Amino acid sequence: MYMAIAVETSKNPIKRTDYKVWFLELSDHGDVIGLGVKTREEVVQSLFRSIRRTGKSNWKAFTKNSDASKPIEIYDFISQSTYENTHFGSLPTLHEFQETLNRLQMNLELRPIAC
């Protein structure tokens, strides 16, 4: 299972839809077993693989101002929002997520990845 936690947008205004999704990889018990980054296309491919294998999404998103995570579905990529996805448009930016980590005193720094 993957939990989308932040979105990193492209600095180039022409490539606004070329964003990266930071995520936590979770075990079946909900334990964090990894931290990673995928492009929008990689998330869609992962989502299709999961649906073909199990019939359901293996991605969730914990969006801003929400008390619970929500599954990410294929139809989310059809909507018209800032990042072409209803969940990613509501995800914290990488900077906002880093501020949260700092407040939690996690002593972990996330930096943008070069495009």
N, C-alpha and C. Protein backbone atom coordinates (compact mmCIF):
# COMPACT_ATOMS: atom_id res chain seq x y z
N MET A 1 0.85 -1.17 0.00
CA MET A 1 0.00 0.00 0.00
C MET A 1 0.89 1.23 0.00
N TYR A 2 0.47 2.25 -0.72
CA TYR A 2 1.20 3.50 -0.80
C TYR A 2 0.32 4.64 -0.28
N MET A 3 0.94 5.55 0.47
CA MET A 3 0.24 6.72 1.00
C MET A 3 0.91 7.97 0.44
N ALA A 4 0.23 8.67 -0.47
CA ALA A 4 0.75 9.92 -1.02
C ALA A 4 0.75 10.97 0.08
N ILE A 5 1.91 11.63 0.27
CA ILE A 5 2.04 12.58 1.38
C ILE A 5 2.34 14.01 0.94
N ALA A 6 2.91 14.18 -0.25
CA ALA A 6 3.26 15.52 -0.70
C ALA A 6 3.41 15.52 -2.22
N VAL A 7 3.26 16.70 -2.80
CA VAL A 7 3.43 16.86 -4.23
C VAL A 7 4.54 17.88 -4.48
N GLU A 8 5.39 17.56 -5.45
CA GLU A 8 6.47 18.46 -5.84
C GLU A 8 6.20 18.89 -7.28
N THR A 9 5.87 20.15 -7.45
CA THR A 9 5.53 20.65 -8.77
C THR A 9 6.78 21.04 -9.54
N SER A 10 6.66 21.09 -10.84
CA SER A 10 7.76 21.50 -11.71
C SER A 10 7.97 23.00 -11.58
N LYS A 11 9.20 23.42 -11.60
CA LYS A 11 9.52 24.85 -11.55
C LYS A 11 9.22 25.53 -12.88
N ASN A 12 9.19 24.75 -13.95
CA ASN A 12 8.93 25.27 -15.29
C ASN A 12 7.42 25.44 -15.48
N PRO A 13 6.93 26.67 -15.70
CA PRO A 13 5.48 26.88 -15.85
C PRO A 13 4.87 26.14 -17.04
N ILE A 14 5.66 25.85 -18.05
CA ILE A 14 5.17 25.12 -19.22
C ILE A 14 4.91 23.66 -18.87
N LYS A 15 5.66 23.12 -17.92
CA LYS A 15 5.53 21.72 -17.53
C LYS A 15 4.79 21.58 -16.20
N ARG A 16 3.78 22.38 -16.02
CA ARG A 16 3.02 22.42 -14.77
C ARG A 16 2.44 21.06 -14.37
N THR A 17 2.10 20.24 -15.34
CA THR A 17 1.51 18.94 -15.03
C THR A 17 2.57 17.86 -14.80
N ASP A 18 3.84 18.21 -14.93
CA ASP A 18 4.93 17.27 -14.65
C ASP A 18 5.29 17.36 -13.17
N TYR A 19 4.52 16.72 -12.34
CA TYR A 19 4.77 16.78 -10.90
C TYR A 19 5.23 15.42 -10.39
N LYS A 20 5.81 15.45 -9.21
CA LYS A 20 6.24 14.22 -8.55
C LYS A 20 5.43 14.05 -7.28
N VAL A 21 5.15 12.82 -6.94
CA VAL A 21 4.40 12.51 -5.73
C VAL A 21 5.32 11.81 -4.75
N TRP A 22 5.46 12.39 -3.58
CA TRP A 22 6.22 11.75 -2.50
C TRP A 22 5.25 10.84 -1.76
N PHE A 23 5.72 9.65 -1.39
CA PHE A 23 4.82 8.68 -0.77
C PHE A 23 5.54 7.85 0.28
N LEU A 24 4.74 7.29 1.17
CA LEU A 24 5.21 6.30 2.14
C LEU A 24 4.75 4.94 1.64
N GLU A 25 5.62 3.96 1.70
CA GLU A 25 5.22 2.58 1.42
C GLU A 25 4.87 1.94 2.75
N LEU A 26 3.69 1.35 2.83
CA LEU A 26 3.20 0.79 4.08
C LEU A 26 3.06 -0.73 3.99
N SER A 27 3.35 -1.41 5.10
CA SER A 27 3.15 -2.85 5.16
C SER A 27 1.67 -3.15 5.33
N ASP A 28 1.31 -4.42 5.30
CA ASP A 28 -0.09 -4.82 5.51
C ASP A 28 -0.59 -4.43 6.89
N HIS A 29 0.34 -4.20 7.82
CA HIS A 29 -0.03 -3.82 9.18
C HIS A 29 -0.03 -2.31 9.39
N GLY A 30 0.28 -1.55 8.32
CA GLY A 30 0.27 -0.10 8.43
C GLY A 30 1.61 0.50 8.86
N ASP A 31 2.65 -0.32 8.97
CA ASP A 31 3.97 0.18 9.34
C ASP A 31 4.64 0.79 8.12
N VAL A 32 5.38 1.88 8.32
CA VAL A 32 6.11 2.51 7.22
C VAL A 32 7.36 1.66 6.94
N ILE A 33 7.48 1.22 5.68
CA ILE A 33 8.64 0.41 5.30
C ILE A 33 9.48 1.10 4.23
N GLY A 34 9.04 2.25 3.76
CA GLY A 34 9.82 2.96 2.77
C GLY A 34 9.27 4.34 2.48
N LEU A 35 10.13 5.17 1.88
CA LEU A 35 9.78 6.51 1.46
C LEU A 35 10.25 6.63 0.02
N GLY A 36 9.41 7.16 -0.86
CA GLY A 36 9.80 7.24 -2.26
C GLY A 36 9.16 8.39 -2.99
N VAL A 37 9.53 8.50 -4.28
CA VAL A 37 9.01 9.54 -5.15
C VAL A 37 8.68 8.90 -6.49
N LYS A 38 7.51 9.22 -7.03
CA LYS A 38 7.11 8.75 -8.36
C LYS A 38 6.57 9.92 -9.16
N THR A 39 6.74 9.83 -10.46
CA THR A 39 6.13 10.83 -11.34
C THR A 39 4.64 10.52 -11.44
N ARG A 40 3.90 11.47 -11.99
CA ARG A 40 2.45 11.26 -12.18
C ARG A 40 2.21 10.00 -13.01
N GLU A 41 2.99 9.82 -14.08
CA GLU A 41 2.83 8.65 -14.94
C GLU A 41 3.10 7.35 -14.19
N GLU A 42 4.12 7.36 -13.33
CA GLU A 42 4.44 6.15 -12.56
C GLU A 42 3.34 5.80 -11.57
N VAL A 43 2.72 6.83 -10.99
CA VAL A 43 1.59 6.58 -10.07
C VAL A 43 0.43 5.95 -10.83
N VAL A 44 0.12 6.48 -12.01
CA VAL A 44 -0.97 5.93 -12.81
C VAL A 44 -0.67 4.49 -13.20
N GLN A 45 0.55 4.19 -13.62
CA GLN A 45 0.93 2.82 -13.97
C GLN A 45 0.79 1.89 -12.77
N SER A 46 1.26 2.33 -11.60
CA SER A 46 1.14 1.53 -10.38
C SER A 46 -0.32 1.27 -10.04
N LEU A 47 -1.14 2.28 -10.19
CA LEU A 47 -2.56 2.17 -9.91
C LEU A 47 -3.23 1.16 -10.84
N PHE A 48 -2.92 1.22 -12.14
CA PHE A 48 -3.48 0.25 -13.10
C PHE A 48 -3.03 -1.17 -12.78
N ARG A 49 -1.75 -1.34 -12.42
CA ARG A 49 -1.25 -2.69 -12.06
C ARG A 49 -2.02 -3.24 -10.86
N SER A 50 -2.22 -2.39 -9.87
CA SER A 50 -2.93 -2.82 -8.67
C SER A 50 -4.37 -3.23 -8.98
N ILE A 51 -5.03 -2.43 -9.79
CA ILE A 51 -6.43 -2.73 -10.14
C ILE A 51 -6.52 -4.01 -10.95
N ARG A 52 -5.57 -4.22 -11.86
CA ARG A 52 -5.57 -5.47 -12.64
C ARG A 52 -5.34 -6.68 -11.73
N ARG A 53 -4.44 -6.55 -10.75
CA ARG A 53 -4.10 -7.66 -9.86
C ARG A 53 -5.17 -7.94 -8.81
N THR A 54 -5.64 -6.88 -8.14
CA THR A 54 -6.51 -7.08 -6.98
C THR A 54 -7.92 -6.54 -7.15
N GLY A 55 -8.15 -5.73 -8.19
CA GLY A 55 -9.46 -5.14 -8.39
C GLY A 55 -9.69 -3.87 -7.61
N LYS A 56 -8.66 -3.39 -6.89
CA LYS A 56 -8.83 -2.14 -6.14
C LYS A 56 -7.51 -1.36 -6.11
N SER A 57 -7.62 -0.12 -5.70
CA SER A 57 -6.47 0.78 -5.64
C SER A 57 -5.56 0.41 -4.47
N ASN A 58 -4.25 0.51 -4.70
CA ASN A 58 -3.30 0.32 -3.61
C ASN A 58 -2.69 1.66 -3.20
N TRP A 59 -3.32 2.76 -3.61
CA TRP A 59 -2.86 4.11 -3.28
C TRP A 59 -3.91 4.84 -2.45
N LYS A 60 -3.43 5.58 -1.45
CA LYS A 60 -4.28 6.47 -0.67
C LYS A 60 -3.61 7.82 -0.60
N ALA A 61 -4.37 8.83 -0.26
CA ALA A 61 -3.84 10.18 -0.09
C ALA A 61 -4.39 10.76 1.21
N PHE A 62 -3.51 11.40 1.94
CA PHE A 62 -3.91 12.11 3.14
C PHE A 62 -3.82 13.59 2.82
N THR A 63 -4.94 14.18 2.46
CA THR A 63 -4.97 15.53 1.94
C THR A 63 -5.03 16.59 3.05
N LYS A 64 -4.78 17.83 2.66
CA LYS A 64 -4.84 18.95 3.61
C LYS A 64 -6.25 19.03 4.20
N ASN A 65 -6.31 19.44 5.45
CA ASN A 65 -7.58 19.67 6.14
C ASN A 65 -8.49 18.45 6.15
N SER A 66 -7.88 17.27 6.22
CA SER A 66 -8.67 16.04 6.25
C SER A 66 -8.29 15.22 7.48
N ASP A 67 -9.27 14.52 8.02
CA ASP A 67 -9.02 13.68 9.19
C ASP A 67 -8.74 12.23 8.83
N ALA A 68 -8.96 11.87 7.57
CA ALA A 68 -8.78 10.48 7.15
C ALA A 68 -8.23 10.44 5.73
N SER A 69 -7.53 9.37 5.43
CA SER A 69 -7.01 9.20 4.07
C SER A 69 -8.13 8.70 3.16
N LYS A 70 -7.94 8.92 1.86
CA LYS A 70 -8.93 8.48 0.87
C LYS A 70 -8.22 7.72 -0.22
N PRO A 71 -8.86 6.69 -0.77
CA PRO A 71 -8.22 5.97 -1.88
C PRO A 71 -8.07 6.86 -3.10
N ILE A 72 -7.00 6.67 -3.83
CA ILE A 72 -6.80 7.34 -5.11
C ILE A 72 -7.32 6.38 -6.17
N GLU A 73 -8.20 6.87 -7.02
CA GLU A 73 -8.80 6.04 -8.06
C GLU A 73 -8.44 6.58 -9.44
N ILE A 74 -8.64 5.77 -10.46
CA ILE A 74 -8.34 6.18 -11.84
C ILE A 74 -9.11 7.43 -12.22
N TYR A 75 -10.38 7.52 -11.83
CA TYR A 75 -11.18 8.68 -12.22
C TYR A 75 -10.63 9.99 -11.66
N ASP A 76 -9.78 9.93 -10.63
CA ASP A 76 -9.18 11.15 -10.09
C ASP A 76 -8.30 11.85 -11.12
N PHE A 77 -7.75 11.09 -12.05
CA PHE A 77 -6.86 11.67 -13.04
C PHE A 77 -7.63 12.30 -14.22
N ILE A 78 -8.93 12.15 -14.22
CA ILE A 78 -9.76 12.71 -15.28
C ILE A 78 -10.28 14.10 -14.87
N SER A 79 -10.28 14.39 -13.58
CA SER A 79 -10.85 15.65 -13.11
C SER A 79 -10.01 16.85 -13.49
N GLN A 80 -10.59 18.01 -13.36
CA GLN A 80 -9.95 19.26 -13.75
C GLN A 80 -9.54 20.05 -12.52
N SER A 81 -8.41 19.73 -11.94
CA SER A 81 -7.93 20.52 -10.81
C SER A 81 -6.49 20.95 -11.08
N THR A 82 -5.90 21.61 -10.14
CA THR A 82 -4.59 22.20 -10.33
C THR A 82 -3.57 21.23 -10.89
N TYR A 83 -3.52 20.01 -10.37
CA TYR A 83 -2.51 19.05 -10.79
C TYR A 83 -3.12 17.89 -11.58
N GLU A 84 -4.27 18.10 -12.18
CA GLU A 84 -5.00 17.08 -12.94
C GLU A 84 -5.44 15.91 -12.06
N ASN A 85 -5.54 16.12 -10.78
CA ASN A 85 -5.94 15.06 -9.88
C ASN A 85 -6.57 15.68 -8.65
N THR A 86 -7.73 15.20 -8.27
CA THR A 86 -8.43 15.80 -7.14
C THR A 86 -7.65 15.65 -5.85
N HIS A 87 -6.93 14.54 -5.68
CA HIS A 87 -6.17 14.34 -4.45
C HIS A 87 -4.87 15.13 -4.46
N PHE A 88 -4.14 15.12 -5.56
CA PHE A 88 -2.84 15.77 -5.59
C PHE A 88 -2.97 17.28 -5.52
N GLY A 89 -4.09 17.82 -6.01
CA GLY A 89 -4.32 19.24 -5.87
C GLY A 89 -4.53 19.64 -4.43
N SER A 90 -4.88 18.67 -3.57
CA SER A 90 -5.10 18.93 -2.15
C SER A 90 -3.97 18.40 -1.27
N LEU A 91 -2.96 17.79 -1.88
CA LEU A 91 -1.83 17.32 -1.08
C LEU A 91 -0.96 18.50 -0.68
N PRO A 92 -0.30 18.39 0.47
CA PRO A 92 0.64 19.46 0.82
C PRO A 92 1.79 19.51 -0.19
N THR A 93 2.37 20.67 -0.36
CA THR A 93 3.57 20.76 -1.18
C THR A 93 4.71 20.14 -0.38
N LEU A 94 5.81 19.89 -1.04
CA LEU A 94 6.97 19.32 -0.35
C LEU A 94 7.41 20.24 0.78
N HIS A 95 7.39 21.54 0.53
CA HIS A 95 7.77 22.52 1.55
C HIS A 95 6.82 22.47 2.75
N GLU A 96 5.52 22.40 2.50
CA GLU A 96 4.54 22.33 3.59
C GLU A 96 4.72 21.06 4.40
N PHE A 97 5.00 19.94 3.72
CA PHE A 97 5.20 18.68 4.43
C PHE A 97 6.48 18.74 5.28
N GLN A 98 7.52 19.38 4.75
CA GLN A 98 8.76 19.54 5.52
C GLN A 98 8.50 20.35 6.78
N GLU A 99 7.67 21.38 6.68
CA GLU A 99 7.32 22.18 7.86
C GLU A 99 6.63 21.31 8.92
N THR A 100 5.78 20.40 8.48
CA THR A 100 5.12 19.48 9.41
C THR A 100 6.15 18.59 10.09
N LEU A 101 7.08 18.05 9.32
CA LEU A 101 8.14 17.21 9.91
C LEU A 101 8.96 18.00 10.92
N ASN A 102 9.25 19.25 10.61
CA ASN A 102 10.02 20.08 11.53
C ASN A 102 9.27 20.29 12.84
N ARG A 103 7.96 20.53 12.75
CA ARG A 103 7.15 20.71 13.96
C ARG A 103 7.09 19.45 14.80
N LEU A 104 7.15 18.31 14.12
CA LEU A 104 7.14 17.02 14.84
C LEU A 104 8.52 16.66 15.37
N GLN A 105 9.49 17.49 15.06
CA GLN A 105 10.89 17.26 15.45
C GLN A 105 11.37 15.89 14.99
N MET A 106 11.09 15.58 13.71
CA MET A 106 11.45 14.29 13.14
C MET A 106 12.92 14.21 12.75
N ASN A 107 13.60 15.35 12.65
CA ASN A 107 15.00 15.38 12.25
C ASN A 107 15.21 14.68 10.91
N LEU A 108 14.30 14.92 9.98
CA LEU A 108 14.35 14.36 8.64
C LEU A 108 14.13 15.49 7.66
N GLU A 109 14.97 15.60 6.65
CA GLU A 109 14.84 16.66 5.67
C GLU A 109 14.56 16.08 4.29
N LEU A 110 13.49 16.56 3.64
CA LEU A 110 13.14 16.15 2.28
C LEU A 110 13.49 17.31 1.36
N ARG A 111 14.20 17.01 0.28
CA ARG A 111 14.60 18.04 -0.67
C ARG A 111 14.06 17.72 -2.05
N PRO A 112 13.75 18.77 -2.84
CA PRO A 112 13.28 18.52 -4.20
C PRO A 112 14.31 17.72 -5.01
N ILE A 113 13.79 16.94 -5.93
CA ILE A 113 14.63 16.13 -6.80
C ILE A 113 14.81 16.87 -8.11
N ALA A 114 16.03 16.92 -8.62
CA ALA A 114 16.30 17.59 -9.88
C ALA A 114 15.55 16.93 -11.01
N CYS A 115 14.96 17.73 -11.89
CA CYS A 115 14.19 17.21 -13.01
C CYS A 115 15.09 16.83 -14.15
